[in-house]
Amino acid sequence: MQLQHTIKAVVRCGDNSGYVAECLEIPVVTQGRTLDETIANLHEAVSLHLEDEDLSDMGLAANPTMIVTMELEMVHA
């Protein structure tokens, strides 16, 4: 089995305000009022989720990196 070296996450605008971040490979979802707060919360949530876990059991290589993308709604003038 080939282990993944990255965890992908998507940040999108929240339903009412702020932002929501969701990982694609692991069950982690978090939110924040600002982008900076959301990314900080995402980093903390992923770290806590992976703490004391055998990453290879999750299909992840040791010390994976995180790739974060943002979904934007297109606004036409």
PDB file of N, CA and C in Angstrom:
ATOM      1  N   MET A   1       0.840  -1.180   0.000  1.00  0.00           N
ATOM      2  CA  MET A   1       0.000   0.000   0.000  1.00  0.00           C
ATOM      3  C   MET A   1       0.887   1.246   0.000  1.00  0.00           C
ATOM      4  N   GLN A   2       0.598   2.164  -0.898  1.00  0.00           N
ATOM      5  CA  GLN A   2       1.350   3.411  -0.966  1.00  0.00           C
ATOM      6  C   GLN A   2       0.730   4.415   0.001  1.00  0.00           C
ATOM      7  N   LEU A   3       1.562   5.012   0.830  1.00  0.00           N
ATOM      8  CA  LEU A   3       1.085   5.957   1.830  1.00  0.00           C
ATOM      9  C   LEU A   3       1.036   7.365   1.253  1.00  0.00           C
ATOM     10  N   GLN A   4       0.008   8.117   1.638  1.00  0.00           N
ATOM     11  CA  GLN A   4      -0.149   9.494   1.187  1.00  0.00           C
ATOM     12  C   GLN A   4       0.751  10.406   2.003  1.00  0.00           C
ATOM     13  N   HIS A   5       1.364  11.367   1.330  1.00  0.00           N
ATOM     14  CA  HIS A   5       2.237  12.329   1.994  1.00  0.00           C
ATOM     15  C   HIS A   5       1.542  13.657   2.241  1.00  0.00           C
ATOM     16  N   THR A   6       0.295  13.782   1.791  1.00  0.00           N
ATOM     17  CA  THR A   6      -0.440  15.036   1.980  1.00  0.00           C
ATOM     18  C   THR A   6      -1.842  14.763   2.505  1.00  0.00           C
ATOM     19  N   ILE A   7      -2.342  15.726   3.231  1.00  0.00           N
ATOM     20  CA  ILE A   7      -3.743  15.761   3.644  1.00  0.00           C
ATOM     21  C   ILE A   7      -4.332  16.982   2.958  1.00  0.00           C
ATOM     22  N   LYS A   8      -5.382  16.779   2.201  1.00  0.00           N
ATOM     23  CA  LYS A   8      -6.008  17.886   1.483  1.00  0.00           C
ATOM     24  C   LYS A   8      -7.194  18.419   2.283  1.00  0.00           C
ATOM     25  N   ALA A   9      -7.326  19.750   2.297  1.00  0.00           N
ATOM     26  CA  ALA A   9      -8.437  20.400   2.983  1.00  0.00           C
ATOM     27  C   ALA A   9      -8.997  21.494   2.083  1.00  0.00           C
ATOM     28  N   VAL A  10     -10.289  21.732   2.217  1.00  0.00           N
ATOM     29  CA  VAL A  10     -10.965  22.768   1.446  1.00  0.00           C
ATOM     30  C   VAL A  10     -11.569  23.762   2.427  1.00  0.00           C
ATOM     31  N   VAL A  11     -11.376  25.048   2.147  1.00  0.00           N
ATOM     32  CA  VAL A  11     -11.975  26.119   2.940  1.00  0.00           C
ATOM     33  C   VAL A  11     -13.032  26.782   2.073  1.00  0.00           C
ATOM     34  N   ARG A  12     -14.195  26.988   2.654  1.00  0.00           N
ATOM     35  CA  ARG A  12     -15.274  27.666   1.924  1.00  0.00           C
ATOM     36  C   ARG A  12     -15.963  28.642   2.870  1.00  0.00           C
ATOM     37  N   CYS A  13     -16.729  29.561   2.305  1.00  0.00           N
ATOM     38  CA  CYS A  13     -17.489  30.503   3.123  1.00  0.00           C
ATOM     39  C   CYS A  13     -18.545  29.737   3.905  1.00  0.00           C
ATOM     40  N   GLY A  14     -18.732  30.126   5.155  1.00  0.00           N
ATOM     41  CA  GLY A  14     -19.758  29.506   5.992  1.00  0.00           C
ATOM     42  C   GLY A  14     -21.143  29.893   5.507  1.00  0.00           C
ATOM     43  N   ASP A  15     -22.142  29.162   5.978  1.00  0.00           N
ATOM     44  CA  ASP A  15     -23.515  29.436   5.558  1.00  0.00           C
ATOM     45  C   ASP A  15     -23.983  30.825   5.978  1.00  0.00           C
ATOM     46  N   ASN A  16     -23.645  31.226   7.187  1.00  0.00           N
ATOM     47  CA  ASN A  16     -24.101  32.534   7.677  1.00  0.00           C
ATOM     48  C   ASN A  16     -22.978  33.556   7.723  1.00  0.00           C
ATOM     49  N   SER A  17     -21.789  33.111   8.157  1.00  0.00           N
ATOM     50  CA  SER A  17     -20.641  34.013   8.226  1.00  0.00           C
ATOM     51  C   SER A  17     -19.398  33.179   8.440  1.00  0.00           C
ATOM     52  N   GLY A  18     -18.243  33.813   8.357  1.00  0.00           N
ATOM     53  CA  GLY A  18     -16.987  33.120   8.598  1.00  0.00           C
ATOM     54  C   GLY A  18     -16.666  32.088   7.540  1.00  0.00           C
ATOM     55  N   TYR A  19     -15.841  31.110   7.936  1.00  0.00           N
ATOM     56  CA  TYR A  19     -15.339  30.101   6.996  1.00  0.00           C
ATOM     57  C   TYR A  19     -15.406  28.715   7.637  1.00  0.00           C
ATOM     58  N   VAL A  20     -15.496  27.707   6.783  1.00  0.00           N
ATOM     59  CA  VAL A  20     -15.501  26.306   7.214  1.00  0.00           C
ATOM     60  C   VAL A  20     -14.375  25.604   6.481  1.00  0.00           C
ATOM     61  N   ALA A  21     -13.617  24.788   7.197  1.00  0.00           N
ATOM     62  CA  ALA A  21     -12.533  24.003   6.598  1.00  0.00           C
ATOM     63  C   ALA A  21     -12.839  22.520   6.820  1.00  0.00           C
ATOM     64  N   GLU A  22     -12.651  21.722   5.769  1.00  0.00           N
ATOM     65  CA  GLU A  22     -12.935  20.289   5.856  1.00  0.00           C
ATOM     66  C   GLU A  22     -11.828  19.503   5.166  1.00  0.00           C
ATOM     67  N   CYS A  23     -11.303  18.506   5.870  1.00  0.00           N
ATOM     68  CA  CYS A  23     -10.291  17.621   5.289  1.00  0.00           C
ATOM     69  C   CYS A  23     -10.976  16.568   4.426  1.00  0.00           C
ATOM     70  N   LEU A  24     -10.286  16.140   3.379  1.00  0.00           N
ATOM     71  CA  LEU A  24     -10.853  15.153   2.471  1.00  0.00           C
ATOM     72  C   LEU A  24     -10.484  13.720   2.856  1.00  0.00           C
ATOM     73  N   GLU A  25      -9.300  13.506   3.422  1.00  0.00           N
ATOM     74  CA  GLU A  25      -8.841  12.151   3.741  1.00  0.00           C
ATOM     75  C   GLU A  25      -9.187  11.702   5.158  1.00  0.00           C
ATOM     76  N   ILE A  26      -9.356  12.648   6.053  1.00  0.00           N
ATOM     77  CA  ILE A  26      -9.635  12.303   7.450  1.00  0.00           C
ATOM     78  C   ILE A  26     -10.867  13.083   7.906  1.00  0.00           C
ATOM     79  N   PRO A  27     -11.601  12.567   8.898  1.00  0.00           N
ATOM     80  CA  PRO A  27     -12.845  13.228   9.319  1.00  0.00           C
ATOM     81  C   PRO A  27     -12.604  14.422  10.240  1.00  0.00           C
ATOM     82  N   VAL A  28     -12.130  15.518   9.664  1.00  0.00           N
ATOM     83  CA  VAL A  28     -11.869  16.739  10.433  1.00  0.00           C
ATOM     84  C   VAL A  28     -12.585  17.896   9.752  1.00  0.00           C
ATOM     85  N   VAL A  29     -13.415  18.592  10.523  1.00  0.00           N
ATOM     86  CA  VAL A  29     -14.115  19.793  10.051  1.00  0.00           C
ATOM     87  C   VAL A  29     -13.997  20.832  11.158  1.00  0.00           C
ATOM     88  N   THR A  30     -13.716  22.072  10.780  1.00  0.00           N
ATOM     89  CA  THR A  30     -13.631  23.143  11.770  1.00  0.00           C
ATOM     90  C   THR A  30     -14.079  24.441  11.115  1.00  0.00           C
ATOM     91  N   GLN A  31     -14.127  25.504  11.892  1.00  0.00           N
ATOM     92  CA  GLN A  31     -14.569  26.791  11.358  1.00  0.00           C
ATOM     93  C   GLN A  31     -13.858  27.929  12.072  1.00  0.00           C
ATOM     94  N   GLY A  32     -14.064  29.142  11.549  1.00  0.00           N
ATOM     95  CA  GLY A  32     -13.499  30.333  12.175  1.00  0.00           C
ATOM     96  C   GLY A  32     -14.146  31.577  11.613  1.00  0.00           C
ATOM     97  N   ARG A  33     -13.971  32.669  12.322  1.00  0.00           N
ATOM     98  CA  ARG A  33     -14.537  33.942  11.869  1.00  0.00           C
ATOM     99  C   ARG A  33     -13.743  34.531  10.708  1.00  0.00           C
ATOM    100  N   THR A  34     -12.422  34.328  10.731  1.00  0.00           N
ATOM    101  CA  THR A  34     -11.550  34.854   9.678  1.00  0.00           C
ATOM    102  C   THR A  34     -10.796  33.690   9.033  1.00  0.00           C
ATOM    103  N   LEU A  35     -10.163  33.952   7.899  1.00  0.00           N
ATOM    104  CA  LEU A  35      -9.345  32.910   7.257  1.00  0.00           C
ATOM    105  C   LEU A  35      -8.202  32.481   8.162  1.00  0.00           C
ATOM    106  N   ASP A  36      -7.525  33.443   8.783  1.00  0.00           N
ATOM    107  CA  ASP A  36      -6.411  33.116   9.673  1.00  0.00           C
ATOM    108  C   ASP A  36      -6.872  32.234  10.830  1.00  0.00           C
ATOM    109  N   GLU A  37      -7.993  32.576  11.440  1.00  0.00           N
ATOM    110  CA  GLU A  37      -8.519  31.783  12.547  1.00  0.00           C
ATOM    111  C   GLU A  37      -8.920  30.382  12.071  1.00  0.00           C
ATOM    112  N   THR A  38      -9.524  30.299  10.897  1.00  0.00           N
ATOM    113  CA  THR A  38      -9.949  29.010  10.348  1.00  0.00           C
ATOM    114  C   THR A  38      -8.747  28.112  10.092  1.00  0.00           C
ATOM    115  N   ILE A  39      -7.683  28.645   9.503  1.00  0.00           N
ATOM    116  CA  ILE A  39      -6.482  27.848   9.227  1.00  0.00           C
ATOM    117  C   ILE A  39      -5.817  27.418  10.526  1.00  0.00           C
ATOM    118  N   ALA A  40      -5.759  28.305  11.513  1.00  0.00           N
ATOM    119  CA  ALA A  40      -5.183  27.941  12.807  1.00  0.00           C
ATOM    120  C   ALA A  40      -6.010  26.828  13.464  1.00  0.00           C
ATOM    121  N   ASN A  41      -7.336  26.948  13.398  1.00  0.00           N
ATOM    122  CA  ASN A  41      -8.215  25.916  13.958  1.00  0.00           C
ATOM    123  C   ASN A  41      -8.054  24.599  13.210  1.00  0.00           C
ATOM    124  N   LEU A  42      -7.880  24.666  11.898  1.00  0.00           N
ATOM    125  CA  LEU A  42      -7.681  23.459  11.093  1.00  0.00           C
ATOM    126  C   LEU A  42      -6.389  22.756  11.498  1.00  0.00           C
ATOM    127  N   HIS A  43      -5.325  23.515  11.635  1.00  0.00           N
ATOM    128  CA  HIS A  43      -4.033  22.941  12.034  1.00  0.00           C
ATOM    129  C   HIS A  43      -4.158  22.251  13.386  1.00  0.00           C
ATOM    130  N   GLU A  44      -4.804  22.909  14.330  1.00  0.00           N
ATOM    131  CA  GLU A  44      -4.974  22.333  15.662  1.00  0.00           C
ATOM    132  C   GLU A  44      -5.854  21.078  15.619  1.00  0.00           C
ATOM    133  N   ALA A  45      -6.953  21.133  14.871  1.00  0.00           N
ATOM    134  CA  ALA A  45      -7.866  19.992  14.798  1.00  0.00           C
ATOM    135  C   ALA A  45      -7.199  18.779  14.154  1.00  0.00           C
ATOM    136  N   VAL A  46      -6.429  19.000  13.100  1.00  0.00           N
ATOM    137  CA  VAL A  46      -5.722  17.889  12.446  1.00  0.00           C
ATOM    138  C   VAL A  46      -4.670  17.321  13.388  1.00  0.00           C
ATOM    139  N   SER A  47      -3.918  18.184  14.055  1.00  0.00           N
ATOM    140  CA  SER A  47      -2.902  17.714  14.999  1.00  0.00           C
ATOM    141  C   SER A  47      -3.520  16.866  16.102  1.00  0.00           C
ATOM    142  N   LEU A  48      -4.635  17.317  16.650  1.00  0.00           N
ATOM    143  CA  LEU A  48      -5.306  16.563  17.701  1.00  0.00           C
ATOM    144  C   LEU A  48      -5.857  15.236  17.175  1.00  0.00           C
ATOM    145  N   HIS A  49      -6.397  15.262  15.963  1.00  0.00           N
ATOM    146  CA  HIS A  49      -6.956  14.037  15.376  1.00  0.00           C
ATOM    147  C   HIS A  49      -5.873  12.983  15.141  1.00  0.00           C
ATOM    148  N   LEU A  50      -4.691  13.419  14.737  1.00  0.00           N
ATOM    149  CA  LEU A  50      -3.612  12.482  14.412  1.00  0.00           C
ATOM    150  C   LEU A  50      -2.772  12.097  15.626  1.00  0.00           C
ATOM    151  N   GLU A  51      -2.934  12.818  16.723  1.00  0.00           N
ATOM    152  CA  GLU A  51      -2.146  12.563  17.928  1.00  0.00           C
ATOM    153  C   GLU A  51      -2.328  11.123  18.403  1.00  0.00           C
ATOM    154  N   ASP A  52      -1.211  10.464  18.662  1.00  0.00           N
ATOM    155  CA  ASP A  52      -1.196   9.088  19.168  1.00  0.00           C
ATOM    156  C   ASP A  52      -1.809   8.066  18.212  1.00  0.00           C
ATOM    157  N   GLU A  53      -1.955   8.403  16.940  1.00  0.00           N
ATOM    158  CA  GLU A  53      -2.481   7.474  15.942  1.00  0.00           C
ATOM    159  C   GLU A  53      -1.329   6.864  15.159  1.00  0.00           C
ATOM    160  N   ASP A  54      -1.524   5.661  14.674  1.00  0.00           N
ATOM    161  CA  ASP A  54      -0.579   5.052  13.750  1.00  0.00           C
ATOM    162  C   ASP A  54      -0.971   5.544  12.354  1.00  0.00           C
ATOM    163  N   LEU A  55      -0.202   6.498  11.836  1.00  0.00           N
ATOM    164  CA  LEU A  55      -0.563   7.140  10.570  1.00  0.00           C
ATOM    165  C   LEU A  55      -0.653   6.149   9.425  1.00  0.00           C
ATOM    166  N   SER A  56       0.174   5.107   9.452  1.00  0.00           N
ATOM    167  CA  SER A  56       0.127   4.129   8.359  1.00  0.00           C
ATOM    168  C   SER A  56      -1.206   3.379   8.351  1.00  0.00           C
ATOM    169  N   ASP A  57      -1.828   3.201   9.522  1.00  0.00           N
ATOM    170  CA  ASP A  57      -3.162   2.592   9.572  1.00  0.00           C
ATOM    171  C   ASP A  57      -4.201   3.469   8.885  1.00  0.00           C
ATOM    172  N   MET A  58      -3.924   4.758   8.815  1.00  0.00           N
ATOM    173  CA  MET A  58      -4.830   5.711   8.171  1.00  0.00           C
ATOM    174  C   MET A  58      -4.442   5.946   6.711  1.00  0.00           C
ATOM    175  N   GLY A  59      -3.408   5.253   6.243  1.00  0.00           N
ATOM    176  CA  GLY A  59      -2.938   5.424   4.871  1.00  0.00           C
ATOM    177  C   GLY A  59      -2.052   6.626   4.679  1.00  0.00           C
ATOM    178  N   LEU A  60      -1.518   7.176   5.788  1.00  0.00           N
ATOM    179  CA  LEU A  60      -0.694   8.377   5.716  1.00  0.00           C
ATOM    180  C   LEU A  60       0.759   8.068   6.045  1.00  0.00           C
ATOM    181  N   ALA A  61       1.659   8.755   5.364  1.00  0.00           N
ATOM    182  CA  ALA A  61       3.083   8.671   5.658  1.00  0.00           C
ATOM    183  C   ALA A  61       3.372   9.489   6.916  1.00  0.00           C
ATOM    184  N   ALA A  62       4.522   9.257   7.508  1.00  0.00           N
ATOM    185  CA  ALA A  62       4.920  10.030   8.678  1.00  0.00           C
ATOM    186  C   ALA A  62       5.065  11.506   8.303  1.00  0.00           C
ATOM    187  N   ASN A  63       4.653  12.392   9.188  1.00  0.00           N
ATOM    188  CA  ASN A  63       4.752  13.843   8.988  1.00  0.00           C
ATOM    189  C   ASN A  63       4.144  14.316   7.672  1.00  0.00           C
ATOM    190  N   PRO A  64       2.867  14.032   7.422  1.00  0.00           N
ATOM    191  CA  PRO A  64       2.261  14.492   6.170  1.00  0.00           C
ATOM    192  C   PRO A  64       2.139  16.018   6.160  1.00  0.00           C
ATOM    193  N   THR A  65       2.132  16.587   4.984  1.00  0.00           N
ATOM    194  CA  THR A  65       1.902  18.019   4.839  1.00  0.00           C
ATOM    195  C   THR A  65       0.429  18.228   4.507  1.00  0.00           C
ATOM    196  N   MET A  66      -0.036  19.454   4.691  1.00  0.00           N
ATOM    197  CA  MET A  66      -1.428  19.757   4.396  1.00  0.00           C
ATOM    198  C   MET A  66      -1.493  20.722   3.221  1.00  0.00           C
ATOM    199  N   ILE A  67      -2.357  20.412   2.283  1.00  0.00           N
ATOM    200  CA  ILE A  67      -2.612  21.292   1.154  1.00  0.00           C
ATOM    201  C   ILE A  67      -4.010  21.857   1.341  1.00  0.00           C
ATOM    202  N   VAL A  68      -4.112  23.178   1.407  1.00  0.00           N
ATOM    203  CA  VAL A  68      -5.394  23.832   1.642  1.00  0.00           C
ATOM    204  C   VAL A  68      -5.771  24.624   0.399  1.00  0.00           C
ATOM    205  N   THR A  69      -6.979  24.372  -0.089  1.00  0.00           N
ATOM    206  CA  THR A  69      -7.522  25.160  -1.202  1.00  0.00           C
ATOM    207  C   THR A  69      -8.769  25.882  -0.719  1.00  0.00           C
ATOM    208  N   MET A  70      -9.164  26.894  -1.459  1.00  0.00           N
ATOM    209  CA  MET A  70     -10.342  27.667  -1.069  1.00  0.00           C
ATOM    210  C   MET A  70     -11.331  27.691  -2.204  1.00  0.00           C
ATOM    211  N   GLU A  71     -12.584  27.407  -1.874  1.00  0.00           N
ATOM    212  CA  GLU A  71     -13.661  27.511  -2.843  1.00  0.00           C
ATOM    213  C   GLU A  71     -14.201  28.916  -2.807  1.00  0.00           C
ATOM    214  N   LEU A  72     -14.311  29.540  -3.958  1.00  0.00           N
ATOM    215  CA  LEU A  72     -14.853  30.884  -4.060  1.00  0.00           C
ATOM    216  C   LEU A  72     -16.062  30.879  -4.967  1.00  0.00           C
ATOM    217  N   GLU A  73     -17.061  31.648  -4.601  1.00  0.00           N
ATOM    218  CA  GLU A  73     -18.225  31.801  -5.471  1.00  0.00           C
ATOM    219  C   GLU A  73     -17.913  32.882  -6.490  1.00  0.00           C
ATOM    220  N   MET A  74     -18.226  32.595  -7.733  1.00  0.00           N
ATOM    221  CA  MET A  74     -17.995  33.580  -8.783  1.00  0.00           C
ATOM    222  C   MET A  74     -19.076  34.659  -8.723  1.00  0.00           C
ATOM    223  N   VAL A  75     -18.638  35.899  -8.702  1.00  0.00           N
ATOM    224  CA  VAL A  75     -19.561  37.035  -8.693  1.00  0.00           C
ATOM    225  C   VAL A  75     -19.411  37.747 -10.020  1.00  0.00           C
ATOM    226  N   HIS A  76     -20.507  37.864 -10.729  1.00  0.00           N
ATOM    227  CA  HIS A  76     -20.471  38.533 -12.037  1.00  0.00           C
ATOM    228  C   HIS A  76     -20.957  39.970 -11.891  1.00  0.00           C
ATOM    229  N   ALA A  77     -20.211  40.866 -12.509  1.00  0.00           N
ATOM    230  CA  ALA A  77     -20.550  42.291 -12.421  1.00  0.00           C
ATOM    231  C   ALA A  77     -21.673  42.639 -13.359  1.00  0.00           C
TER     232      ALA A  77
END
